[in-house]
Amino acid sequence: MKQCIIDFETMGIDTNNCVVIDMSAFVFDWNRFSSSEPYGFADVANVRKFKLDVKEQVTKYNFTIDPDTVKFWEKQPSDVRRNIAPKKTDIGLEQFADDFLDYLIPHGKISNWWSRSNTFDPIILWRLFETVGKKQQILEYLPHWSLRDTRSWIDAKLDFPKKNGFCPIEDEELWAQNFKHHDSAWDVLADVMRLQRIDRAENLD
């Protein structure tokens, strides 16, 4: 059962006009959760990250940068700031749309797609595709009715815990040593592994 999960890093919280730093996407197989080879740290290499051109978004599309969000990023560790810094390989919106579709299409039918809070990432995704005139194309592969929210799913399964973003493996120290905060690739893998841990607990007892 093929699924897709996405996560954006941005320069603001207004979904209607914020500049996007990057988006990570991962097509995963739900059936692998209960297999003898579940998802793990190494799978972060299979997450596809799309790093976008910030300058183009401001000058060509009039997207905005929120000063408070800039201050947030400036307070992050140097490795986080390096990860989001502009690069020569950053891509424009039209290339992003084409590249993301090229990533999705070979995987075939996507049963469901996920984000952490569907009032943020999906709206930004739709806006970016609409901006370049390709919203209908993304809706063919990721329709609105197949969208799911990892936060709500986890909350419902665990009776609404105080901390939704729990450690998805038993060794919390090992997780802390490997997980990279504010990195969209690690964020999507983390939620896949959280879904997996709950699914395995329900089906492998």
Protein backbone atom coordinates (compact mmCIF):
# COMPACT_ATOMS: atom_id res chain seq x y z
CA MET A 1 0.00 0.00 0.00
CA LYS A 2 1.94 3.00 -1.30
CA GLN A 3 1.77 6.20 0.72
CA CYS A 4 3.48 9.59 0.40
CA ILE A 5 4.47 12.04 3.13
CA ILE A 6 5.64 15.65 2.69
CA ASP A 7 7.15 18.36 4.88
CA PHE A 8 8.09 21.98 4.15
CA GLU A 9 10.61 24.29 5.75
CA THR A 10 9.63 27.91 5.18
CA MET A 11 10.45 31.54 5.84
CA GLY A 12 7.05 32.25 7.35
CA ILE A 13 3.83 30.74 8.64
CA ASP A 14 1.35 32.38 6.25
CA THR A 15 0.45 29.53 3.90
CA ASN A 16 -0.86 31.99 1.32
CA ASN A 17 2.42 33.76 0.59
CA CYS A 18 5.38 32.50 2.65
CA VAL A 19 8.68 31.76 0.95
CA VAL A 20 9.60 28.07 0.86
CA ILE A 21 13.10 26.91 1.76
CA ASP A 22 12.67 23.26 0.88
CA MET A 23 10.27 20.34 0.78
CA SER A 24 11.01 16.69 1.50
CA ALA A 25 8.86 13.86 0.20
CA PHE A 26 8.95 10.14 0.79
CA VAL A 27 6.89 7.46 -0.90
CA PHE A 28 6.74 4.50 1.47
CA ASP A 29 5.01 1.16 1.67
CA TRP A 30 2.70 0.65 4.65
CA ASN A 31 3.02 -3.11 4.29
CA ARG A 32 6.71 -2.85 5.13
CA PHE A 33 5.84 -1.68 8.65
CA SER A 34 5.09 -5.21 9.83
CA SER A 35 7.77 -6.89 7.71
CA SER A 36 11.13 -8.24 8.83
CA GLU A 37 12.77 -5.16 7.30
CA PRO A 38 10.98 -2.12 8.76
CA TYR A 39 12.02 1.46 8.05
CA GLY A 40 15.09 2.75 9.87
CA PHE A 41 17.76 5.45 9.89
CA ALA A 42 19.23 4.40 6.55
CA ASP A 43 15.97 5.24 4.79
CA VAL A 44 16.64 8.96 5.17
CA ALA A 45 18.81 8.50 2.07
CA ASN A 46 15.65 7.57 0.14
CA VAL A 47 13.80 10.74 1.12
CA ARG A 48 13.71 13.20 -1.79
CA LYS A 49 14.49 16.79 -0.82
CA PHE A 50 13.71 19.71 -3.11
CA LYS A 51 15.67 22.88 -2.24
CA LEU A 52 13.98 25.96 -3.69
CA ASP A 53 15.31 29.29 -4.92
CA VAL A 54 14.30 31.84 -2.28
CA LYS A 55 15.30 34.88 -4.35
CA GLU A 56 13.11 33.81 -7.28
CA GLN A 57 10.09 33.44 -5.01
CA VAL A 58 10.51 37.01 -3.73
CA THR A 59 11.37 38.77 -6.99
CA LYS A 60 9.25 36.82 -9.47
CA TYR A 61 6.25 35.71 -7.42
CA ASN A 62 6.17 38.32 -4.61
CA PHE A 63 6.23 35.68 -1.86
CA THR A 64 7.16 37.11 1.54
CA ILE A 65 9.77 36.49 4.22
CA ASP A 66 8.57 36.85 7.81
CA PRO A 67 11.12 38.68 10.04
CA ASP A 68 10.18 36.63 13.11
CA THR A 69 10.78 33.41 11.21
CA VAL A 70 14.19 34.70 10.10
CA LYS A 71 15.03 35.35 13.75
CA PHE A 72 13.98 31.78 14.56
CA TRP A 73 16.36 30.36 11.95
CA GLU A 74 19.17 32.67 13.08
CA LYS A 75 18.96 31.15 16.58
CA GLN A 76 19.40 27.59 15.28
CA PRO A 77 22.72 25.69 15.42
CA SER A 78 25.21 26.26 12.61
CA ASP A 79 24.49 22.90 10.94
CA VAL A 80 20.78 23.79 10.70
CA ARG A 81 21.59 27.21 9.24
CA ARG A 82 23.97 25.65 6.71
CA ASN A 83 21.25 23.23 5.67
CA ILE A 84 18.81 26.01 4.77
CA ALA A 85 21.33 28.49 3.31
CA PRO A 86 20.97 29.42 -0.40
CA LYS A 87 22.88 27.14 -2.79
CA LYS A 88 23.73 27.30 -6.48
CA THR A 89 21.73 24.13 -6.98
CA ASP A 90 18.47 25.65 -5.65
CA ILE A 91 15.61 25.20 -8.12
CA GLY A 92 12.80 27.44 -9.32
CA LEU A 93 9.11 26.74 -8.80
CA GLU A 94 8.50 25.37 -12.28
CA GLN A 95 11.36 22.91 -11.98
CA PHE A 96 10.17 21.95 -8.49
CA ALA A 97 6.72 21.10 -9.83
CA ASP A 98 8.18 19.02 -12.65
CA ASP A 99 10.73 17.28 -10.42
CA PHE A 100 8.16 16.38 -7.77
CA LEU A 101 5.81 14.92 -10.36
CA ASP A 102 8.74 12.99 -11.85
CA TYR A 103 9.40 11.57 -8.38
CA LEU A 104 5.76 10.59 -7.78
CA ILE A 105 4.73 9.13 -11.12
CA PRO A 106 7.02 6.05 -11.23
CA HIS A 107 5.64 4.89 -7.86
CA GLY A 108 2.18 4.34 -9.34
CA LYS A 109 -1.02 4.77 -7.36
CA ILE A 110 -0.63 6.51 -4.00
CA SER A 111 -3.33 5.25 -1.62
CA ASN A 112 -2.96 8.11 0.88
CA TRP A 113 -0.66 11.05 1.40
CA TRP A 114 0.31 12.58 4.72
CA SER A 115 1.57 15.70 6.43
CA ARG A 116 1.89 16.88 10.01
CA SER A 117 -1.10 19.24 10.26
CA ASN A 118 -3.02 19.49 7.04
CA THR A 119 -3.63 23.21 7.50
CA PHE A 120 -0.03 23.97 6.53
CA ASP A 121 2.01 21.76 4.18
CA PRO A 122 -0.72 20.67 1.73
CA ILE A 123 -1.97 24.24 1.35
CA ILE A 124 1.55 25.40 0.51
CA LEU A 125 1.98 22.54 -1.95
CA TRP A 126 -1.25 23.41 -3.74
CA ARG A 127 -0.27 27.11 -3.82
CA LEU A 128 3.11 26.41 -5.40
CA PHE A 129 1.58 24.19 -8.08
CA GLU A 130 -1.20 26.71 -8.71
CA THR A 131 1.38 29.48 -9.08
CA VAL A 132 2.98 27.65 -12.02
CA GLY A 133 -0.35 26.51 -13.49
CA LYS A 134 -0.04 22.84 -12.55
CA LYS A 135 -2.39 22.39 -9.61
CA GLN A 136 -4.64 19.99 -11.50
CA GLN A 137 -1.66 17.78 -12.26
CA ILE A 138 -0.66 17.37 -8.61
CA LEU A 139 -4.29 16.72 -7.66
CA GLU A 140 -4.34 13.79 -10.08
CA TYR A 141 -1.67 12.04 -8.02
CA LEU A 142 -2.36 13.50 -4.57
CA PRO A 143 -6.11 14.26 -4.46
CA HIS A 144 -7.55 16.17 -1.52
CA TRP A 145 -9.74 13.27 -0.42
CA SER A 146 -6.76 10.93 0.15
CA LEU A 147 -4.94 13.39 2.43
CA ARG A 148 -4.24 12.26 6.01
CA ASP A 149 -2.75 14.00 9.08
CA THR A 150 -0.03 12.18 11.05
CA ARG A 151 -0.61 14.29 14.16
CA SER A 152 -4.32 13.42 14.32
CA TRP A 153 -3.69 9.74 13.55
CA ILE A 154 -1.07 9.45 16.31
CA ASP A 155 -3.21 11.38 18.80
CA ALA A 156 -6.21 9.14 18.18
CA LYS A 157 -4.15 5.95 18.49
CA LEU A 158 -2.43 7.02 21.72
CA ASP A 159 -5.39 8.67 23.44
CA PHE A 160 -4.11 12.21 22.85
CA PRO A 161 -0.74 12.18 24.63
CA LYS A 162 0.92 15.37 25.83
CA LYS A 163 3.77 14.84 23.35
CA ASN A 164 2.74 13.82 19.85
CA GLY A 165 6.26 13.67 18.39
CA PHE A 166 7.42 10.66 20.40
CA CYS A 167 10.67 8.76 19.86
CA PRO A 168 9.86 6.05 17.29
CA ILE A 169 12.44 3.53 18.49
CA GLU A 170 13.10 1.96 21.89
CA ASP A 171 16.62 3.39 22.18
CA GLU A 172 15.94 7.08 22.81
CA GLU A 173 19.64 7.89 23.17
CA LEU A 174 20.39 6.39 19.76
CA TRP A 175 17.54 8.38 18.27
CA ALA A 176 18.84 11.62 19.80
CA GLN A 177 22.29 10.93 18.35
CA ASN A 178 20.97 10.46 14.82
CA PHE A 179 17.84 12.60 14.38
CA LYS A 180 18.45 16.07 12.90
CA HIS A 181 16.07 18.77 14.10
CA HIS A 182 14.52 21.22 11.62
CA ASP A 183 15.52 19.04 8.68
CA SER A 184 12.53 18.21 6.49
CA ALA A 185 14.03 14.87 5.37
CA TRP A 186 14.41 13.68 8.95
CA ASP A 187 10.99 15.07 9.88
CA VAL A 188 9.20 12.94 7.28
CA LEU A 189 11.22 9.84 8.15
CA ALA A 190 10.47 10.38 11.85
CA ASP A 191 6.73 10.44 11.25
CA VAL A 192 6.89 7.37 9.01
CA MET A 193 8.71 5.56 11.81
CA ARG A 194 6.14 6.77 14.36
CA LEU A 195 3.31 5.40 12.22
CA GLN A 196 5.32 2.22 11.87
CA ARG A 197 5.92 1.79 15.60
CA ILE A 198 2.21 2.07 16.37
CA ASP A 199 1.29 -0.25 13.52
CA ARG A 200 3.82 -2.87 14.63
CA ALA A 201 2.60 -2.64 18.23
CA GLU A 202 -0.96 -3.33 17.04
CA ASN A 203 -0.17 -6.12 14.62
CA LEU A 204 2.90 -7.96 15.89
CA ASP A 205 1.86 -8.66 19.50
